[in-house]
Amino acid sequence: MTTIRYFAGAAQAAGTETTEVRPRAGQDLGSLAADLGARNADLAKVLAVASFVVDGTVTSDRALVIDDAAAIDVLPPFAGG
């Protein structure tokens, strides 16, 4: 199982701060994001522009295979200054 942790606006869109998923064998980050967003249009919008941290490593590589990841953090774009 992989723990998905949502932060800030991602948590608001998801309606939760965490969820557990079981990625398919060979599944990549992009297809996991698509699966998560398929059930929630607001979350899909956030996931399209989010940054990800997979097991402590920041990545923008949506082709990254995540089938054995323990944790994925979803970080929406932050505003501020």
PDB file of N, CA and C in Angstrom:
ATOM      1  N   MET A   1       0.844  -1.187   0.000  1.00  0.00           N
ATOM      2  CA  MET A   1       0.000   0.000   0.000  1.00  0.00           C
ATOM      3  C   MET A   1       0.882   1.241   0.000  1.00  0.00           C
ATOM      4  N   THR A   2       0.363   2.267  -0.622  1.00  0.00           N
ATOM      5  CA  THR A   2       1.051   3.548  -0.672  1.00  0.00           C
ATOM      6  C   THR A   2       0.169   4.591   0.003  1.00  0.00           C
ATOM      7  N   THR A   3       0.753   5.384   0.879  1.00  0.00           N
ATOM      8  CA  THR A   3       0.031   6.468   1.532  1.00  0.00           C
ATOM      9  C   THR A   3       0.177   7.720   0.673  1.00  0.00           C
ATOM     10  N   ILE A   4      -0.955   8.301   0.297  1.00  0.00           N
ATOM     11  CA  ILE A   4      -0.975   9.579  -0.412  1.00  0.00           C
ATOM     12  C   ILE A   4      -1.301  10.645   0.623  1.00  0.00           C
ATOM     13  N   ARG A   5      -0.418  11.633   0.751  1.00  0.00           N
ATOM     14  CA  ARG A   5      -0.644  12.728   1.702  1.00  0.00           C
ATOM     15  C   ARG A   5      -0.880  14.008   0.899  1.00  0.00           C
ATOM     16  N   TYR A   6      -2.016  14.616   1.156  1.00  0.00           N
ATOM     17  CA  TYR A   6      -2.398  15.849   0.467  1.00  0.00           C
ATOM     18  C   TYR A   6      -2.143  17.035   1.389  1.00  0.00           C
ATOM     19  N   PHE A   7      -1.620  18.121   0.825  1.00  0.00           N
ATOM     20  CA  PHE A   7      -1.322  19.317   1.608  1.00  0.00           C
ATOM     21  C   PHE A   7      -2.084  20.512   1.048  1.00  0.00           C
ATOM     22  N   ALA A   8      -2.449  21.424   1.952  1.00  0.00           N
ATOM     23  CA  ALA A   8      -3.076  22.713   1.607  1.00  0.00           C
ATOM     24  C   ALA A   8      -4.270  22.507   0.680  1.00  0.00           C
ATOM     25  N   GLY A   9      -4.268  23.184  -0.464  1.00  0.00           N
ATOM     26  CA  GLY A   9      -5.388  23.119  -1.401  1.00  0.00           C
ATOM     27  C   GLY A   9      -5.641  21.727  -1.946  1.00  0.00           C
ATOM     28  N   ALA A  10      -4.621  20.890  -1.978  1.00  0.00           N
ATOM     29  CA  ALA A  10      -4.807  19.513  -2.428  1.00  0.00           C
ATOM     30  C   ALA A  10      -5.673  18.750  -1.424  1.00  0.00           C
ATOM     31  N   ALA A  11      -5.441  18.972  -0.132  1.00  0.00           N
ATOM     32  CA  ALA A  11      -6.255  18.332   0.901  1.00  0.00           C
ATOM     33  C   ALA A  11      -7.691  18.826   0.830  1.00  0.00           C
ATOM     34  N   GLN A  12      -7.840  20.104   0.586  1.00  0.00           N
ATOM     35  CA  GLN A  12      -9.185  20.660   0.468  1.00  0.00           C
ATOM     36  C   GLN A  12      -9.911  20.038  -0.726  1.00  0.00           C
ATOM     37  N   ALA A  13      -9.247  19.943  -1.854  1.00  0.00           N
ATOM     38  CA  ALA A  13      -9.869  19.366  -3.045  1.00  0.00           C
ATOM     39  C   ALA A  13     -10.169  17.882  -2.858  1.00  0.00           C
ATOM     40  N   ALA A  14      -9.264  17.164  -2.183  1.00  0.00           N
ATOM     41  CA  ALA A  14      -9.445  15.729  -1.973  1.00  0.00           C
ATOM     42  C   ALA A  14     -10.481  15.426  -0.896  1.00  0.00           C
ATOM     43  N   GLY A  15     -10.687  16.397  -0.001  1.00  0.00           N
ATOM     44  CA  GLY A  15     -11.609  16.180   1.109  1.00  0.00           C
ATOM     45  C   GLY A  15     -11.001  15.337   2.221  1.00  0.00           C
ATOM     46  N   THR A  16      -9.687  15.183   2.186  1.00  0.00           N
ATOM     47  CA  THR A  16      -8.970  14.404   3.195  1.00  0.00           C
ATOM     48  C   THR A  16      -7.497  14.786   3.152  1.00  0.00           C
ATOM     49  N   GLU A  17      -6.786  14.475   4.210  1.00  0.00           N
ATOM     50  CA  GLU A  17      -5.340  14.731   4.221  1.00  0.00           C
ATOM     51  C   GLU A  17      -4.537  13.513   3.797  1.00  0.00           C
ATOM     52  N   THR A  18      -5.113  12.328   3.936  1.00  0.00           N
ATOM     53  CA  THR A  18      -4.402  11.112   3.535  1.00  0.00           C
ATOM     54  C   THR A  18      -5.376  10.094   2.954  1.00  0.00           C
ATOM     55  N   THR A  19      -4.826   9.252   2.132  1.00  0.00           N
ATOM     56  CA  THR A  19      -5.571   8.103   1.620  1.00  0.00           C
ATOM     57  C   THR A  19      -4.570   7.002   1.315  1.00  0.00           C
ATOM     58  N   GLU A  20      -5.034   5.789   1.294  1.00  0.00           N
ATOM     59  CA  GLU A  20      -4.195   4.641   0.976  1.00  0.00           C
ATOM     60  C   GLU A  20      -4.618   4.099  -0.390  1.00  0.00           C
ATOM     61  N   VAL A  21      -3.640   3.810  -1.224  1.00  0.00           N
ATOM     62  CA  VAL A  21      -3.919   3.227  -2.535  1.00  0.00           C
ATOM     63  C   VAL A  21      -2.970   2.053  -2.762  1.00  0.00           C
ATOM     64  N   ARG A  22      -3.370   1.175  -3.651  1.00  0.00           N
ATOM     65  CA  ARG A  22      -2.502   0.075  -4.059  1.00  0.00           C
ATOM     66  C   ARG A  22      -2.213   0.269  -5.546  1.00  0.00           C
ATOM     67  N   PRO A  23      -1.041   0.855  -5.862  1.00  0.00           N
ATOM     68  CA  PRO A  23      -0.706   1.061  -7.274  1.00  0.00           C
ATOM     69  C   PRO A  23      -0.633  -0.272  -8.021  1.00  0.00           C
ATOM     70  N   ARG A  24      -0.987  -0.213  -9.288  1.00  0.00           N
ATOM     71  CA  ARG A  24      -0.857  -1.389 -10.146  1.00  0.00           C
ATOM     72  C   ARG A  24       0.622  -1.656 -10.424  1.00  0.00           C
ATOM     73  N   ALA A  25       0.957  -2.873 -10.731  1.00  0.00           N
ATOM     74  CA  ALA A  25       2.338  -3.218 -11.078  1.00  0.00           C
ATOM     75  C   ALA A  25       2.779  -2.370 -12.258  1.00  0.00           C
ATOM     76  N   GLY A  26       3.908  -1.693 -12.099  1.00  0.00           N
ATOM     77  CA  GLY A  26       4.445  -0.856 -13.168  1.00  0.00           C
ATOM     78  C   GLY A  26       3.771   0.496 -13.328  1.00  0.00           C
ATOM     79  N   GLN A  27       2.845   0.830 -12.447  1.00  0.00           N
ATOM     80  CA  GLN A  27       2.124   2.098 -12.579  1.00  0.00           C
ATOM     81  C   GLN A  27       3.057   3.275 -12.365  1.00  0.00           C
ATOM     82  N   ASP A  28       2.857   4.322 -13.171  1.00  0.00           N
ATOM     83  CA  ASP A  28       3.676   5.522 -13.008  1.00  0.00           C
ATOM     84  C   ASP A  28       2.877   6.612 -12.305  1.00  0.00           C
ATOM     85  N   LEU A  29       3.596   7.637 -11.909  1.00  0.00           N
ATOM     86  CA  LEU A  29       3.002   8.739 -11.151  1.00  0.00           C
ATOM     87  C   LEU A  29       1.883   9.421 -11.934  1.00  0.00           C
ATOM     88  N   GLY A  30       2.074   9.609 -13.225  1.00  0.00           N
ATOM     89  CA  GLY A  30       1.057  10.262 -14.046  1.00  0.00           C
ATOM     90  C   GLY A  30      -0.244   9.486 -14.101  1.00  0.00           C
ATOM     91  N   SER A  31      -0.160   8.174 -14.248  1.00  0.00           N
ATOM     92  CA  SER A  31      -1.397   7.390 -14.316  1.00  0.00           C
ATOM     93  C   SER A  31      -2.064   7.289 -12.949  1.00  0.00           C
ATOM     94  N   LEU A  32      -1.275   7.284 -11.881  1.00  0.00           N
ATOM     95  CA  LEU A  32      -1.872   7.308 -10.547  1.00  0.00           C
ATOM     96  C   LEU A  32      -2.621   8.619 -10.338  1.00  0.00           C
ATOM     97  N   ALA A  33      -2.007   9.730 -10.726  1.00  0.00           N
ATOM     98  CA  ALA A  33      -2.668  11.034 -10.606  1.00  0.00           C
ATOM     99  C   ALA A  33      -3.963  11.051 -11.430  1.00  0.00           C
ATOM    100  N   ALA A  34      -3.924  10.470 -12.615  1.00  0.00           N
ATOM    101  CA  ALA A  34      -5.126  10.404 -13.451  1.00  0.00           C
ATOM    102  C   ALA A  34      -6.207   9.566 -12.782  1.00  0.00           C
ATOM    103  N   ASP A  35      -5.820   8.446 -12.178  1.00  0.00           N
ATOM    104  CA  ASP A  35      -6.792   7.604 -11.469  1.00  0.00           C
ATOM    105  C   ASP A  35      -7.426   8.359 -10.310  1.00  0.00           C
ATOM    106  N   LEU A  36      -6.610   9.062  -9.535  1.00  0.00           N
ATOM    107  CA  LEU A  36      -7.126   9.816  -8.388  1.00  0.00           C
ATOM    108  C   LEU A  36      -8.048  10.940  -8.856  1.00  0.00           C
ATOM    109  N   GLY A  37      -7.667  11.622  -9.912  1.00  0.00           N
ATOM    110  CA  GLY A  37      -8.462  12.730 -10.427  1.00  0.00           C
ATOM    111  C   GLY A  37      -9.729  12.299 -11.136  1.00  0.00           C
ATOM    112  N   ALA A  38      -9.775  11.070 -11.615  1.00  0.00           N
ATOM    113  CA  ALA A  38     -10.953  10.578 -12.335  1.00  0.00           C
ATOM    114  C   ALA A  38     -12.187  10.549 -11.441  1.00  0.00           C
ATOM    115  N   ARG A  39     -11.990  10.466 -10.169  1.00  0.00           N
ATOM    116  CA  ARG A  39     -13.102  10.401  -9.216  1.00  0.00           C
ATOM    117  C   ARG A  39     -13.474  11.762  -8.634  1.00  0.00           C
ATOM    118  N   ASN A  40     -12.672  12.792  -8.945  1.00  0.00           N
ATOM    119  CA  ASN A  40     -12.874  14.082  -8.289  1.00  0.00           C
ATOM    120  C   ASN A  40     -12.326  15.191  -9.197  1.00  0.00           C
ATOM    121  N   ALA A  41     -13.217  15.952  -9.836  1.00  0.00           N
ATOM    122  CA  ALA A  41     -12.801  16.980 -10.801  1.00  0.00           C
ATOM    123  C   ALA A  41     -11.956  18.072 -10.144  1.00  0.00           C
ATOM    124  N   ASP A  42     -12.291  18.461  -8.917  1.00  0.00           N
ATOM    125  CA  ASP A  42     -11.502  19.491  -8.235  1.00  0.00           C
ATOM    126  C   ASP A  42     -10.084  18.987  -7.964  1.00  0.00           C
ATOM    127  N   LEU A  43      -9.982  17.754  -7.533  1.00  0.00           N
ATOM    128  CA  LEU A  43      -8.672  17.173  -7.282  1.00  0.00           C
ATOM    129  C   LEU A  43      -7.889  17.027  -8.583  1.00  0.00           C
ATOM    130  N   ALA A  44      -8.549  16.667  -9.664  1.00  0.00           N
ATOM    131  CA  ALA A  44      -7.877  16.528 -10.960  1.00  0.00           C
ATOM    132  C   ALA A  44      -7.208  17.837 -11.362  1.00  0.00           C
ATOM    133  N   LYS A  45      -7.873  18.949 -11.120  1.00  0.00           N
ATOM    134  CA  LYS A  45      -7.292  20.258 -11.449  1.00  0.00           C
ATOM    135  C   LYS A  45      -6.032  20.517 -10.631  1.00  0.00           C
ATOM    136  N   VAL A  46      -6.065  20.184  -9.357  1.00  0.00           N
ATOM    137  CA  VAL A  46      -4.900  20.376  -8.493  1.00  0.00           C
ATOM    138  C   VAL A  46      -3.761  19.446  -8.917  1.00  0.00           C
ATOM    139  N   LEU A  47      -4.084  18.191  -9.168  1.00  0.00           N
ATOM    140  CA  LEU A  47      -3.059  17.219  -9.539  1.00  0.00           C
ATOM    141  C   LEU A  47      -2.355  17.588 -10.841  1.00  0.00           C
ATOM    142  N   ALA A  48      -3.067  18.259 -11.732  1.00  0.00           N
ATOM    143  CA  ALA A  48      -2.477  18.651 -13.015  1.00  0.00           C
ATOM    144  C   ALA A  48      -1.327  19.635 -12.854  1.00  0.00           C
ATOM    145  N   VAL A  49      -1.324  20.391 -11.755  1.00  0.00           N
ATOM    146  CA  VAL A  49      -0.289  21.415 -11.543  1.00  0.00           C
ATOM    147  C   VAL A  49       0.522  21.189 -10.269  1.00  0.00           C
ATOM    148  N   ALA A  50       0.271  20.076  -9.600  1.00  0.00           N
ATOM    149  CA  ALA A  50       0.924  19.799  -8.320  1.00  0.00           C
ATOM    150  C   ALA A  50       2.367  19.355  -8.494  1.00  0.00           C
ATOM    151  N   SER A  51       3.116  19.508  -7.410  1.00  0.00           N
ATOM    152  CA  SER A  51       4.440  18.913  -7.279  1.00  0.00           C
ATOM    153  C   SER A  51       4.279  17.666  -6.424  1.00  0.00           C
ATOM    154  N   PHE A  52       5.204  16.726  -6.567  1.00  0.00           N
ATOM    155  CA  PHE A  52       5.118  15.472  -5.839  1.00  0.00           C
ATOM    156  C   PHE A  52       6.428  15.183  -5.129  1.00  0.00           C
ATOM    157  N   VAL A  53       6.309  14.558  -3.967  1.00  0.00           N
ATOM    158  CA  VAL A  53       7.458  14.051  -3.231  1.00  0.00           C
ATOM    159  C   VAL A  53       7.197  12.559  -3.049  1.00  0.00           C
ATOM    160  N   VAL A  54       8.043  11.745  -3.663  1.00  0.00           N
ATOM    161  CA  VAL A  54       7.886  10.290  -3.607  1.00  0.00           C
ATOM    162  C   VAL A  54       8.971   9.727  -2.694  1.00  0.00           C
ATOM    163  N   ASP A  55       8.529   9.179  -1.595  1.00  0.00           N
ATOM    164  CA  ASP A  55       9.451   8.619  -0.590  1.00  0.00           C
ATOM    165  C   ASP A  55      10.584   9.586  -0.260  1.00  0.00           C
ATOM    166  N   GLY A  56      10.232  10.856  -0.069  1.00  0.00           N
ATOM    167  CA  GLY A  56      11.191  11.864   0.368  1.00  0.00           C
ATOM    168  C   GLY A  56      11.957  12.558  -0.732  1.00  0.00           C
ATOM    169  N   THR A  57      11.708  12.204  -1.994  1.00  0.00           N
ATOM    170  CA  THR A  57      12.429  12.812  -3.115  1.00  0.00           C
ATOM    171  C   THR A  57      11.458  13.593  -3.986  1.00  0.00           C
ATOM    172  N   VAL A  58      11.750  14.877  -4.173  1.00  0.00           N
ATOM    173  CA  VAL A  58      10.920  15.725  -5.027  1.00  0.00           C
ATOM    174  C   VAL A  58      11.085  15.275  -6.473  1.00  0.00           C
ATOM    175  N   THR A  59       9.964  15.162  -7.182  1.00  0.00           N
ATOM    176  CA  THR A  59      10.036  14.772  -8.589  1.00  0.00           C
ATOM    177  C   THR A  59       8.968  15.481  -9.400  1.00  0.00           C
ATOM    178  N   SER A  60       9.300  15.759 -10.633  1.00  0.00           N
ATOM    179  CA  SER A  60       8.314  16.260 -11.596  1.00  0.00           C
ATOM    180  C   SER A  60       8.148  15.234 -12.714  1.00  0.00           C
ATOM    181  N   ASP A  61       8.794  14.070 -12.559  1.00  0.00           N
ATOM    182  CA  ASP A  61       8.772  13.011 -13.558  1.00  0.00           C
ATOM    183  C   ASP A  61       7.518  12.165 -13.397  1.00  0.00           C
ATOM    184  N   ARG A  62       6.518  12.463 -14.198  1.00  0.00           N
ATOM    185  CA  ARG A  62       5.257  11.722 -14.099  1.00  0.00           C
ATOM    186  C   ARG A  62       5.369  10.325 -14.692  1.00  0.00           C
ATOM    187  N   ALA A  63       6.488  10.014 -15.324  1.00  0.00           N
ATOM    188  CA  ALA A  63       6.725   8.664 -15.840  1.00  0.00           C
ATOM    189  C   ALA A  63       7.418   7.781 -14.792  1.00  0.00           C
ATOM    190  N   LEU A  64       7.697   8.344 -13.622  1.00  0.00           N
ATOM    191  CA  LEU A  64       8.356   7.604 -12.553  1.00  0.00           C
ATOM    192  C   LEU A  64       7.459   6.457 -12.092  1.00  0.00           C
ATOM    193  N   VAL A  65       7.968   5.252 -12.100  1.00  0.00           N
ATOM    194  CA  VAL A  65       7.205   4.091 -11.636  1.00  0.00           C
ATOM    195  C   VAL A  65       7.121   4.141 -10.117  1.00  0.00           C
ATOM    196  N   ILE A  66       5.897   4.062  -9.612  1.00  0.00           N
ATOM    197  CA  ILE A  66       5.668   4.250  -8.174  1.00  0.00           C
ATOM    198  C   ILE A  66       5.031   3.019  -7.530  1.00  0.00           C
ATOM    199  N   ASP A  67       5.063   1.883  -8.193  1.00  0.00           N
ATOM    200  CA  ASP A  67       4.337   0.724  -7.668  1.00  0.00           C
ATOM    201  C   ASP A  67       4.868   0.209  -6.337  1.00  0.00           C
ATOM    202  N   ASP A  68       6.078   0.602  -5.945  1.00  0.00           N
ATOM    203  CA  ASP A  68       6.594   0.176  -4.642  1.00  0.00           C
ATOM    204  C   ASP A  68       6.821   1.352  -3.684  1.00  0.00           C
ATOM    205  N   ALA A  69       6.261   2.515  -4.015  1.00  0.00           N
ATOM    206  CA  ALA A  69       6.428   3.700  -3.157  1.00  0.00           C
ATOM    207  C   ALA A  69       5.656   3.533  -1.859  1.00  0.00           C
ATOM    208  N   ALA A  70       6.267   3.954  -0.751  1.00  0.00           N
ATOM    209  CA  ALA A  70       5.605   3.903   0.552  1.00  0.00           C
ATOM    210  C   ALA A  70       4.733   5.132   0.779  1.00  0.00           C
ATOM    211  N   ALA A  71       5.200   6.306   0.286  1.00  0.00           N
ATOM    212  CA  ALA A  71       4.457   7.542   0.519  1.00  0.00           C
ATOM    213  C   ALA A  71       4.656   8.503  -0.652  1.00  0.00           C
ATOM    214  N   ILE A  72       3.568   9.167  -1.006  1.00  0.00           N
ATOM    215  CA  ILE A  72       3.613  10.205  -2.032  1.00  0.00           C
ATOM    216  C   ILE A  72       2.917  11.436  -1.471  1.00  0.00           C
ATOM    217  N   ASP A  73       3.638  12.548  -1.435  1.00  0.00           N
ATOM    218  CA  ASP A  73       3.067  13.816  -0.986  1.00  0.00           C
ATOM    219  C   ASP A  73       2.631  14.612  -2.204  1.00  0.00           C
ATOM    220  N   VAL A  74       1.448  15.216  -2.117  1.00  0.00           N
ATOM    221  CA  VAL A  74       0.912  16.050  -3.185  1.00  0.00           C
ATOM    222  C   VAL A  74       0.927  17.484  -2.699  1.00  0.00           C
ATOM    223  N   LEU A  75       1.719  18.323  -3.379  1.00  0.00           N
ATOM    224  CA  LEU A  75       1.888  19.716  -2.983  1.00  0.00           C
ATOM    225  C   LEU A  75       1.338  20.611  -4.089  1.00  0.00           C
ATOM    226  N   PRO A  76       0.251  21.320  -3.818  1.00  0.00           N
ATOM    227  CA  PRO A  76      -0.278  22.229  -4.833  1.00  0.00           C
ATOM    228  C   PRO A  76       0.632  23.445  -4.953  1.00  0.00           C
ATOM    229  N   PRO A  77       0.481  24.214  -6.028  1.00  0.00           N
ATOM    230  CA  PRO A  77       1.255  25.456  -6.116  1.00  0.00           C
ATOM    231  C   PRO A  77       0.897  26.357  -4.931  1.00  0.00           C
ATOM    232  N   PHE A  78       1.901  26.973  -4.367  1.00  0.00           N
ATOM    233  CA  PHE A  78       1.688  27.863  -3.217  1.00  0.00           C
ATOM    234  C   PHE A  78       1.829  29.310  -3.667  1.00  0.00           C
ATOM    235  N   ALA A  79       0.979  30.159  -3.136  1.00  0.00           N
ATOM    236  CA  ALA A  79       1.090  31.602  -3.388  1.00  0.00           C
ATOM    237  C   ALA A  79       1.694  32.237  -2.142  1.00  0.00           C
ATOM    238  N   GLY A  80       2.223  33.388  -2.304  1.00  0.00           N
ATOM    239  CA  GLY A  80       2.760  34.088  -1.141  1.00  0.00           C
ATOM    240  C   GLY A  80       4.019  34.823  -1.503  1.00  0.00           C
ATOM    241  N   GLY A  81       4.622  35.373  -0.511  1.00  0.00           N
ATOM    242  CA  GLY A  81       5.834  36.107  -0.811  1.00  0.00           C
ATOM    243  C   GLY A  81       6.606  36.463   0.389  1.00  0.00           C
TER     244      GLY A  81
END
